[in-house]
C-alpha atoms as a PDB file:
ATOM      1  CA  MET A   1     119.193 100.472 113.787  1.00  0.00           C
ATOM      2  CA  SER A   2     115.736 101.983 113.391  1.00  0.00           C
ATOM      3  CA  ILE A   3     114.158 103.077 109.900  1.00  0.00           C
ATOM      4  CA  HIS A   4     113.078 106.601 111.304  1.00  0.00           C
ATOM      5  CA  GLY A   5     110.067 108.040 108.807  1.00  0.00           C
ATOM      6  CA  ARG A   6     107.647 106.722 106.310  1.00  0.00           C
ATOM      7  CA  PHE A   7     108.292 108.447 102.880  1.00  0.00           C
ATOM      8  CA  ALA A   8     111.460 107.090 101.343  1.00  0.00           C
ATOM      9  CA  VAL A   9     112.931 107.585  98.151  1.00  0.00           C
ATOM     10  CA  TRP A  10     114.035 104.526  95.237  1.00  0.00           C
ATOM     11  CA  SER A  11     116.537 104.740  92.572  1.00  0.00           C
ATOM     12  CA  TYR A  12     119.783 103.508  91.085  1.00  0.00           C
ATOM     13  CA  TYR A  13     122.577 104.237  93.578  1.00  0.00           C
ATOM     14  CA  ALA A  14     124.898 105.749  91.057  1.00  0.00           C
ATOM     15  CA  SER A  15     121.890 108.745  90.400  1.00  0.00           C
ATOM     16  CA  PHE A  16     122.036 110.167  93.921  1.00  0.00           C
ATOM     17  CA  THR A  17     124.537 112.481  94.370  1.00  0.00           C
ATOM     18  CA  PRO A  18     124.547 114.657  97.907  1.00  0.00           C
ATOM     19  CA  GLU A  19     122.546 118.118  95.638  1.00  0.00           C
ATOM     20  CA  ILE A  20     120.145 115.158  95.495  1.00  0.00           C
ATOM     21  CA  ALA A  21     120.613 113.747  98.768  1.00  0.00           C
ATOM     22  CA  ALA A  22     120.540 117.438 100.787  1.00  0.00           C
ATOM     23  CA  GLU A  23     117.364 118.049  98.087  1.00  0.00           C
ATOM     24  CA  LEU A  24     115.400 115.603  98.971  1.00  0.00           C
ATOM     25  CA  GLU A  25     115.552 115.638 102.828  1.00  0.00           C
ATOM     26  CA  GLY A  26     114.479 119.296 102.815  1.00  0.00           C
ATOM     27  CA  LEU A  27     111.311 118.161 100.942  1.00  0.00           C
ATOM     28  CA  GLY A  28     111.232 115.622 104.236  1.00  0.00           C
ATOM     29  CA  TYR A  29     111.528 112.532 102.585  1.00  0.00           C
ATOM     30  CA  SER A  30     113.426 110.514 105.219  1.00  0.00           C
ATOM     31  CA  THR A  31     115.681 107.959 103.457  1.00  0.00           C
ATOM     32  CA  LEU A  32     116.963 106.784 100.515  1.00  0.00           C
ATOM     33  CA  TRP A  33     117.412 103.327  99.483  1.00  0.00           C
ATOM     34  CA  LEU A  34     119.878 102.747  96.883  1.00  0.00           C
ATOM     35  CA  GLY A  35     119.718  99.690  94.008  1.00  0.00           C
ATOM     36  CA  GLY A  36     121.456  98.162  91.116  1.00  0.00           C
ATOM     37  CA  SER A  37     123.441  95.904  92.774  1.00  0.00           C
ATOM     38  CA  PRO A  38     125.730  98.572  94.335  1.00  0.00           C
ATOM     39  CA  PRO A  39     129.419  96.556  94.546  1.00  0.00           C
ATOM     40  CA  ALA A  40     130.915  95.185  97.791  1.00  0.00           C
ATOM     41  CA  ASP A  41     132.849  98.646  98.759  1.00  0.00           C
ATOM     42  CA  LEU A  42     129.341 100.740  98.839  1.00  0.00           C
ATOM     43  CA  PRO A  43     130.950 103.112  97.171  1.00  0.00           C
ATOM     44  CA  VAL A  44     128.389 106.775  96.698  1.00  0.00           C
ATOM     45  CA  ILE A  45     126.940 106.229 100.508  1.00  0.00           C
ATOM     46  CA  GLU A  46     129.318 108.176 102.578  1.00  0.00           C
ATOM     47  CA  SER A  47     129.099 111.143 100.340  1.00  0.00           C
ATOM     48  CA  LEU A  48     125.540 111.373 101.056  1.00  0.00           C
ATOM     49  CA  LEU A  49     125.580 110.864 104.597  1.00  0.00           C
ATOM     50  CA  GLU A  50     128.022 113.881 105.032  1.00  0.00           C
ATOM     51  CA  ALA A  51     125.494 116.580 103.080  1.00  0.00           C
ATOM     52  CA  THR A  52     122.760 115.561 104.721  1.00  0.00           C
ATOM     53  CA  ASP A  53     121.945 115.463 108.900  1.00  0.00           C
ATOM     54  CA  THR A  54     119.742 113.206 109.686  1.00  0.00           C
ATOM     55  CA  LEU A  55     119.034 111.321 106.485  1.00  0.00           C
ATOM     56  CA  THR A  56     118.947 107.309 106.640  1.00  0.00           C
ATOM     57  CA  VAL A  57     120.472 105.692 103.677  1.00  0.00           C
ATOM     58  CA  GLY A  58     120.011 101.362 102.743  1.00  0.00           C
ATOM     59  CA  THR A  59     120.908  99.063 100.105  1.00  0.00           C
ATOM     60  CA  SER A  60     118.168  97.902  98.271  1.00  0.00           C
ATOM     61  CA  ILE A  61     120.361  95.539  97.683  1.00  0.00           C
ATOM     62  CA  VAL A  62     123.778  94.022  97.399  1.00  0.00           C
ATOM     63  CA  ASN A  63     124.418  91.076  95.625  1.00  0.00           C
ATOM     64  CA  ILE A  64     124.811  88.191  97.470  1.00  0.00           C
ATOM     65  CA  TRP A  65     126.351  86.856  93.819  1.00  0.00           C
ATOM     66  CA  SER A  66     128.061  89.874  93.305  1.00  0.00           C
ATOM     67  CA  ALA A  67     129.267  91.038  96.492  1.00  0.00           C
ATOM     68  CA  PRO A  68     131.053  89.099  98.496  1.00  0.00           C
ATOM     69  CA  ALA A  69     129.712  88.946 102.341  1.00  0.00           C
ATOM     70  CA  LYS A  70     133.548  89.470 103.939  1.00  0.00           C
ATOM     71  CA  GLN A  71     133.853  92.809 101.738  1.00  0.00           C
ATOM     72  CA  VAL A  72     130.589  93.992 101.776  1.00  0.00           C
ATOM     73  CA  ALA A  73     131.100  93.475 106.081  1.00  0.00           C
ATOM     74  CA  GLU A  74     134.139  95.590 105.611  1.00  0.00           C
ATOM     75  CA  SER A  75     132.576  98.497 104.185  1.00  0.00           C
ATOM     76  CA  PHE A  76     129.368  98.414 106.628  1.00  0.00           C
ATOM     77  CA  HIS A  77     131.926  98.501 109.366  1.00  0.00           C
ATOM     78  CA  ARG A  78     133.721 101.272 107.736  1.00  0.00           C
ATOM     79  CA  ILE A  79     130.312 103.730 107.051  1.00  0.00           C
ATOM     80  CA  GLU A  80     128.721 102.687 110.218  1.00  0.00           C
ATOM     81  CA  ALA A  81     131.793 104.018 111.957  1.00  0.00           C
ATOM     82  CA  ARG A  82     131.648 107.314 110.605  1.00  0.00           C
ATOM     83  CA  PHE A  83     127.688 107.287 110.959  1.00  0.00           C
ATOM     84  CA  PRO A  84     126.495 105.407 113.477  1.00  0.00           C
ATOM     85  CA  GLY A  85     122.439 104.187 113.032  1.00  0.00           C
ATOM     86  CA  ARG A  86     122.627 106.025 109.732  1.00  0.00           C
ATOM     87  CA  PHE A  87     123.370 103.264 107.706  1.00  0.00           C
ATOM     88  CA  LEU A  88     120.992  99.685 106.582  1.00  0.00           C
ATOM     89  CA  LEU A  89     122.386  97.229 104.641  1.00  0.00           C
ATOM     90  CA  GLY A  90     120.050  95.590 102.309  1.00  0.00           C
ATOM     91  CA  VAL A  91     121.147  92.388 100.987  1.00  0.00           C
ATOM     92  CA  GLY A  92     119.666  89.822  98.196  1.00  0.00           C
ATOM     93  CA  ALA A  93     119.565  87.079  95.987  1.00  0.00           C
ATOM     94  CA  GLY A  94     119.159  88.253  92.657  1.00  0.00           C
ATOM     95  CA  HIS A  95     117.475  86.369  89.564  1.00  0.00           C
ATOM     96  CA  PRO A  96     118.728  83.095  88.135  1.00  0.00           C
ATOM     97  CA  GLU A  97     117.946  84.528  85.228  1.00  0.00           C
ATOM     98  CA  GLN A  98     120.859  87.035  85.482  1.00  0.00           C
ATOM     99  CA  ASP A  99     123.533  85.684  87.713  1.00  0.00           C
ATOM    100  CA  ALA A 100     125.600  82.180  86.024  1.00  0.00           C
ATOM    101  CA  ALA A 101     126.809  81.620  89.731  1.00  0.00           C
ATOM    102  CA  PHE A 102     123.037  81.462  90.602  1.00  0.00           C
ATOM    103  CA  ARG A 103     122.009  77.774  93.307  1.00  0.00           C
ATOM    104  CA  LYS A 104     119.654  77.371  95.709  1.00  0.00           C
ATOM    105  CA  PRO A 105     118.920  81.079  96.839  1.00  0.00           C
ATOM    106  CA  TYR A 106     117.622  80.167 100.051  1.00  0.00           C
ATOM    107  CA  ASP A 107     120.641  78.676 101.091  1.00  0.00           C
ATOM    108  CA  ALA A 108     122.902  81.256  99.610  1.00  0.00           C
ATOM    109  CA  LEU A 109     121.186  83.762 102.004  1.00  0.00           C
ATOM    110  CA  VAL A 110     121.663  81.885 104.797  1.00  0.00           C
ATOM    111  CA  GLU A 111     125.031  81.555 104.008  1.00  0.00           C
ATOM    112  CA  TYR A 112     125.826  84.892 103.531  1.00  0.00           C
ATOM    113  CA  LEU A 113     123.985  86.261 106.575  1.00  0.00           C
ATOM    114  CA  ASP A 114     126.278  83.732 108.362  1.00  0.00           C
ATOM    115  CA  GLU A 115     129.445  85.079 107.012  1.00  0.00           C
ATOM    116  CA  LEU A 116     127.818  88.663 108.089  1.00  0.00           C
ATOM    117  CA  ASP A 117     127.560  87.306 111.325  1.00  0.00           C
ATOM    118  CA  GLU A 118     130.814  86.036 111.342  1.00  0.00           C
ATOM    119  CA  ALA A 119     131.996  90.054 110.742  1.00  0.00           C
ATOM    120  CA  GLY A 120     129.841  91.354 112.777  1.00  0.00           C
ATOM    121  CA  VAL A 121     127.434  92.913 110.622  1.00  0.00           C
ATOM    122  CA  PRO A 122     124.452  93.266 114.023  1.00  0.00           C
ATOM    123  CA  LYS A 123     120.905  91.858 112.855  1.00  0.00           C
ATOM    124  CA  GLN A 124     118.757  95.162 113.110  1.00  0.00           C
ATOM    125  CA  SER A 125     121.897  96.209 110.675  1.00  0.00           C
ATOM    126  CA  ARG A 126     120.183  94.490 107.694  1.00  0.00           C
ATOM    127  CA  ALA A 127     117.628  93.930 106.009  1.00  0.00           C
ATOM    128  CA  LEU A 128     116.819  91.059 103.042  1.00  0.00           C
ATOM    129  CA  ALA A 129     114.374  90.937  99.904  1.00  0.00           C
ATOM    130  CA  ALA A 130     112.015  89.435 100.628  1.00  0.00           C
ATOM    131  CA  LEU A 131     108.636  88.295  98.359  1.00  0.00           C
ATOM    132  CA  GLY A 132     107.822  84.637  99.170  1.00  0.00           C
ATOM    133  CA  PRO A 133     106.785  83.448 102.601  1.00  0.00           C
ATOM    134  CA  LYS A 134     110.050  81.437 103.269  1.00  0.00           C
ATOM    135  CA  VAL A 135     112.253  84.619 102.955  1.00  0.00           C
ATOM    136  CA  LEU A 136     110.104  86.739 104.975  1.00  0.00           C
ATOM    137  CA  GLU A 137     110.857  84.076 107.669  1.00  0.00           C
ATOM    138  CA  LEU A 138     114.198  84.137 106.996  1.00  0.00           C
ATOM    139  CA  SER A 139     113.960  88.326 106.841  1.00  0.00           C
ATOM    140  CA  ARG A 140     112.167  88.043 110.192  1.00  0.00           C
ATOM    141  CA  ASP A 141     114.503  85.555 112.357  1.00  0.00           C
ATOM    142  CA  ARG A 142     117.908  86.579 110.518  1.00  0.00           C
ATOM    143  CA  THR A 143     117.448  90.407 109.738  1.00  0.00           C
ATOM    144  CA  ALA A 144     115.812  93.935 110.812  1.00  0.00           C
ATOM    145  CA  GLY A 145     113.438  92.711 108.293  1.00  0.00           C
ATOM    146  CA  ALA A 146     111.751  92.761 104.618  1.00  0.00           C
ATOM    147  CA  LEU A 147     112.123  95.146 101.235  1.00  0.00           C
ATOM    148  CA  PRO A 148     109.537  93.814  99.106  1.00  0.00           C
ATOM    149  CA  TYR A 149     109.962  95.006  95.778  1.00  0.00           C
ATOM    150  CA  LEU A 150     107.300  94.889  92.830  1.00  0.00           C
ATOM    151  CA  THR A 151     104.855  94.271  95.491  1.00  0.00           C
ATOM    152  CA  VAL A 152     100.997  96.030  96.159  1.00  0.00           C
ATOM    153  CA  PRO A 153      99.306  96.349  99.507  1.00  0.00           C
ATOM    154  CA  GLU A 154      98.129  92.977  99.761  1.00  0.00           C
ATOM    155  CA  HIS A 155     101.286  91.603  99.420  1.00  0.00           C
ATOM    156  CA  THR A 156     101.995  94.234 102.002  1.00  0.00           C
ATOM    157  CA  ARG A 157      99.022  92.399 104.358  1.00  0.00           C
ATOM    158  CA  GLN A 158     100.471  88.858 103.775  1.00  0.00           C
ATOM    159  CA  ALA A 159     104.233  90.062 104.591  1.00  0.00           C
ATOM    160  CA  ARG A 160     103.161  91.788 107.360  1.00  0.00           C
ATOM    161  CA  GLU A 161     101.168  88.825 108.772  1.00  0.00           C
ATOM    162  CA  ILE A 162     104.478  86.393 108.223  1.00  0.00           C
ATOM    163  CA  LEU A 163     107.108  89.465 109.431  1.00  0.00           C
ATOM    164  CA  GLY A 164     104.562  89.850 112.418  1.00  0.00           C
ATOM    165  CA  PRO A 165     104.282  93.412 114.916  1.00  0.00           C
ATOM    166  CA  ASP A 166     107.883  94.705 115.302  1.00  0.00           C
ATOM    167  CA  ALA A 167     110.253  93.452 111.972  1.00  0.00           C
ATOM    168  CA  LEU A 168     111.006  96.275 109.646  1.00  0.00           C
ATOM    169  CA  LEU A 169     108.948  96.244 106.393  1.00  0.00           C
ATOM    170  CA  VAL A 170     109.783  98.243 103.608  1.00  0.00           C
ATOM    171  CA  ALA A 171     107.305  98.034 100.346  1.00  0.00           C
ATOM    172  CA  GLU A 172     108.342  99.282  97.093  1.00  0.00           C
ATOM    173  CA  HIS A 173     106.532 101.042  94.269  1.00  0.00           C
ATOM    174  CA  LYS A 174     106.668 102.788  91.332  1.00  0.00           C
ATOM    175  CA  VAL A 175     105.120 105.649  90.475  1.00  0.00           C
ATOM    176  CA  THR A 176     104.584 108.725  87.801  1.00  0.00           C
ATOM    177  CA  VAL A 177     102.478 111.971  88.352  1.00  0.00           C
ATOM    178  CA  ASN A 178     100.387 112.054  85.172  1.00  0.00           C
ATOM    179  CA  THR A 179      96.540 112.650  84.920  1.00  0.00           C
ATOM    180  CA  ASP A 180      96.756 111.137  81.607  1.00  0.00           C
ATOM    181  CA  PRO A 181      96.380 107.151  81.526  1.00  0.00           C
ATOM    182  CA  ALA A 182      98.012 105.951  78.209  1.00  0.00           C
ATOM    183  CA  ALA A 183     100.816 108.662  78.321  1.00  0.00           C
ATOM    184  CA  ALA A 184     101.479 107.464  82.193  1.00  0.00           C
ATOM    185  CA  ARG A 185     101.675 103.919  81.137  1.00  0.00           C
ATOM    186  CA  ASP A 186     104.826 104.884  79.064  1.00  0.00           C
ATOM    187  CA  THR A 187     106.561 105.726  81.538  1.00  0.00           C
ATOM    188  CA  LEU A 188     105.572 102.862  84.141  1.00  0.00           C
ATOM    189  CA  ARG A 189     105.771 100.089  81.596  1.00  0.00           C
ATOM    190  CA  PRO A 190     109.575  99.827  80.287  1.00  0.00           C
ATOM    191  CA  ARG A 191     110.099  99.723  83.985  1.00  0.00           C
ATOM    192  CA  ILE A 192     108.130  96.918  85.106  1.00  0.00           C
ATOM    193  CA  LYS A 193     108.433  94.414  81.613  1.00  0.00           C
ATOM    194  CA  PHE A 194     111.543  94.179  82.577  1.00  0.00           C
ATOM    195  CA  TYR A 195     110.216  91.764  85.746  1.00  0.00           C
ATOM    196  CA  LEU A 196     108.069  89.537  83.546  1.00  0.00           C
ATOM    197  CA  LYS A 197     110.869  87.299  82.359  1.00  0.00           C
ATOM    198  CA  LEU A 198     111.987  86.559  85.600  1.00  0.00           C
ATOM    199  CA  ARG A 199     109.890  83.812  87.753  1.00  0.00           C
ATOM    200  CA  ASN A 200     110.597  85.033  91.086  1.00  0.00           C
ATOM    201  CA  TYR A 201     108.709  88.116  90.033  1.00  0.00           C
ATOM    202  CA  VAL A 202     106.389  86.380  88.342  1.00  0.00           C
ATOM    203  CA  ALA A 203     105.784  83.919  90.564  1.00  0.00           C
ATOM    204  CA  ASN A 204     105.126  85.932  93.319  1.00  0.00           C
ATOM    205  CA  LEU A 205     102.281  87.958  90.956  1.00  0.00           C
ATOM    206  CA  ARG A 206     100.345  84.959  90.497  1.00  0.00           C
ATOM    207  CA  ARG A 207     100.002  84.685  93.681  1.00  0.00           C
ATOM    208  CA  LEU A 208      98.701  87.686  94.464  1.00  0.00           C
ATOM    209  CA  GLY A 209      95.756  86.357  91.864  1.00  0.00           C
ATOM    210  CA  PHE A 210      96.969  88.603  88.640  1.00  0.00           C
ATOM    211  CA  THR A 211      96.089  86.137  85.486  1.00  0.00           C
ATOM    212  CA  GLU A 212      98.346  84.672  82.888  1.00  0.00           C
ATOM    213  CA  GLU A 213      96.764  87.174  80.410  1.00  0.00           C
ATOM    214  CA  ASP A 214      98.059  89.994  82.762  1.00  0.00           C
ATOM    215  CA  LEU A 215     101.506  88.382  83.234  1.00  0.00           C
ATOM    216  CA  GLU A 216     102.110  88.370  79.389  1.00  0.00           C
ATOM    217  CA  TYR A 217     104.324  90.460  78.383  1.00  0.00           C
ATOM    218  CA  PRO A 218     104.958  93.235  77.905  1.00  0.00           C
ATOM    219  CA  GLY A 219     102.237  93.530  80.556  1.00  0.00           C
ATOM    220  CA  SER A 220      98.343  94.085  80.842  1.00  0.00           C
ATOM    221  CA  ASP A 221      97.076  97.616  81.105  1.00  0.00           C
ATOM    222  CA  THR A 222      95.676  95.964  84.702  1.00  0.00           C
ATOM    223  CA  LEU A 223      98.663  94.878  85.549  1.00  0.00           C
ATOM    224  CA  ILE A 224     100.952  98.037  84.781  1.00  0.00           C
ATOM    225  CA  ASP A 225      98.100 100.532  86.403  1.00  0.00           C
ATOM    226  CA  THR A 226      98.438  98.418  89.387  1.00  0.00           C
ATOM    227  CA  LEU A 227     102.250  97.903  89.576  1.00  0.00           C
ATOM    228  CA  GLY A 228     102.411 101.854  88.935  1.00  0.00           C
ATOM    229  CA  LEU A 229     100.873 104.048  90.624  1.00  0.00           C
ATOM    230  CA  HIS A 230      99.620 107.669  88.340  1.00  0.00           C
ATOM    231  CA  GLY A 231      97.205 110.327  88.296  1.00  0.00           C
ATOM    232  CA  SER A 232      97.569 113.100  90.260  1.00  0.00           C
ATOM    233  CA  ALA A 233      99.841 113.809  93.484  1.00  0.00           C
ATOM    234  CA  ASP A 234      97.172 113.438  95.841  1.00  0.00           C
ATOM    235  CA  GLU A 235      96.309 110.207  93.734  1.00  0.00           C
ATOM    236  CA  VAL A 236      99.495 108.799  93.675  1.00  0.00           C
ATOM    237  CA  ALA A 237      99.428 109.377  97.418  1.00  0.00           C
ATOM    238  CA  ALA A 238      96.681 107.535  98.287  1.00  0.00           C
ATOM    239  CA  GLY A 239      98.365 104.769  96.860  1.00  0.00           C
ATOM    240  CA  LEU A 240     101.499 104.976  98.610  1.00  0.00           C
ATOM    241  CA  ILE A 241      99.588 105.095 101.476  1.00  0.00           C
ATOM    242  CA  ALA A 242      97.590 101.925 101.198  1.00  0.00           C
ATOM    243  CA  HIS A 243     101.125 100.373 101.594  1.00  0.00           C
ATOM    244  CA  LEU A 244     101.133 102.182 104.854  1.00  0.00           C
ATOM    245  CA  GLU A 245      97.526 101.071 106.308  1.00  0.00           C
ATOM    246  CA  ALA A 246      98.672  97.883 104.993  1.00  0.00           C
ATOM    247  CA  GLY A 247     101.274  97.027 107.877  1.00  0.00           C
ATOM    248  CA  ALA A 248     104.589  98.896 106.037  1.00  0.00           C
ATOM    249  CA  ASP A 249     106.653 100.905 108.264  1.00  0.00           C
ATOM    250  CA  GLN A 250     107.665 102.964 104.869  1.00  0.00           C
ATOM    251  CA  ILE A 251     107.514 103.061 101.564  1.00  0.00           C
ATOM    252  CA  ALA A 252     110.101 103.273  98.749  1.00  0.00           C
ATOM    253  CA  ILE A 253     109.002 105.485  95.892  1.00  0.00           C
ATOM    254  CA  GLN A 254     110.704 104.772  92.340  1.00  0.00           C
ATOM    255  CA  VAL A 255     109.810 107.857  90.343  1.00  0.00           C
ATOM    256  CA  THR A 256     110.017 105.988  86.765  1.00  0.00           C
ATOM    257  CA  ASP A 257     110.356 109.293  85.093  1.00  0.00           C
ATOM    258  CA  GLU A 258     113.583 110.410  83.462  1.00  0.00           C
ATOM    259  CA  ASP A 259     113.593 113.742  85.319  1.00  0.00           C
ATOM    260  CA  TRP A 260     112.887 111.638  88.308  1.00  0.00           C
ATOM    261  CA  VAL A 261     113.149 114.603  91.392  1.00  0.00           C
ATOM    262  CA  PRO A 262     110.487 116.803  90.227  1.00  0.00           C
ATOM    263  CA  VAL A 263     108.148 114.348  90.593  1.00  0.00           C
ATOM    264  CA  LEU A 264     109.123 113.617  94.175  1.00  0.00           C
ATOM    265  CA  HIS A 265     108.688 117.758  94.792  1.00  0.00           C
ATOM    266  CA  ALA A 266     105.342 117.151  93.677  1.00  0.00           C
ATOM    267  CA  LEU A 267     104.479 114.394  95.785  1.00  0.00           C
ATOM    268  CA  ALA A 268     105.832 115.791  98.728  1.00  0.00           C
ATOM    269  CA  PRO A 269     103.168 118.213  99.952  1.00  0.00           C
ATOM    270  CA  ALA A 270     100.429 115.535  99.291  1.00  0.00           C
ATOM    271  CA  LEU A 271     102.961 112.924 101.353  1.00  0.00           C
ATOM    272  CA  ILE A 272     104.774 114.643 104.193  1.00  0.00           C
ATOM    273  CA  GLY A 273     102.878 115.682 107.163  1.00  0.00           C
ATOM    274  CA  ARG A 274      99.785 112.665 106.571  1.00  0.00           C
END
C-alpha cells in the first residue's frame, strides 16, 4: 500500500473513535497513527475505517514482545480483506526498560518479520519503528519504510539518506498551539520527559547533538522546545513542514493537550493544502 497525504494524526489507539476519525478526515488529515501498543487482535481499526471514506490507518506501533506475529498477521488479513490498501501495520521492539522478555531487539525484529513473511503479510503493507542506522536499514530492506518517533528534522534528513528515495518515512512530532512558552512547556514536558528514562531514545538524542544537561530529567527548555513545537498555528505548521522539507513523506502530529481535537482544527488551515 502507499500512504497518501502529508499530514497525519498520532494518538493512543483507544482515544480514536469513529466520530473523531470522520471529523479528522473532514479537516483534511489523511492518516491516523494508533499508538500505545495495540494488542494482537488490532481492535478499533475497522470501526475507524468504516466511518471514513479514504482515510488510512496505521499502527505506531504494535509491540513485538506483547503481540505474537501469527495473531497480528491474522488480524492484518482480516482488516485487509474488508478495507484493501487502507491499513499499514507498524511494528517495533519497544524498550528494554519496559519489557521483561527483552533481548537483542534487532534479532527479534528480524525473526518477527520472518514470521510475518511466512504468514503472508506483504512487505509494502508493514513498516518499522526505527531510529538508529541499523534498524533504518532493516526497515528499508524488509518493509515499506520507517516510523521514527521523538525526532527532529535533522534526524529526518539523516534517515532519508539511509532509506533512499523510495522508502516510506513518517516522522512523529509533538505539538501544542500556545503562544505562551512557559505554559506550552508545561503541556509538552509530561509527554516528553518519560522518554529521557529510555536509553534508545536518549542515545538517539545524543547522536543529534543534545547535551547531557539537555537530557537530564525532566529535560531542558531547549530540549522541550525542539521536541515539542509550540507557538501560533502558523509557527507550529512551519516546524512540522520542516520534516517534509528534510525528506519525510508524512508528518504524524501528536497533540499533547488533553483536549486534542480542537488543536487539530486550529492547525488544519495552516497545513492542509500547503
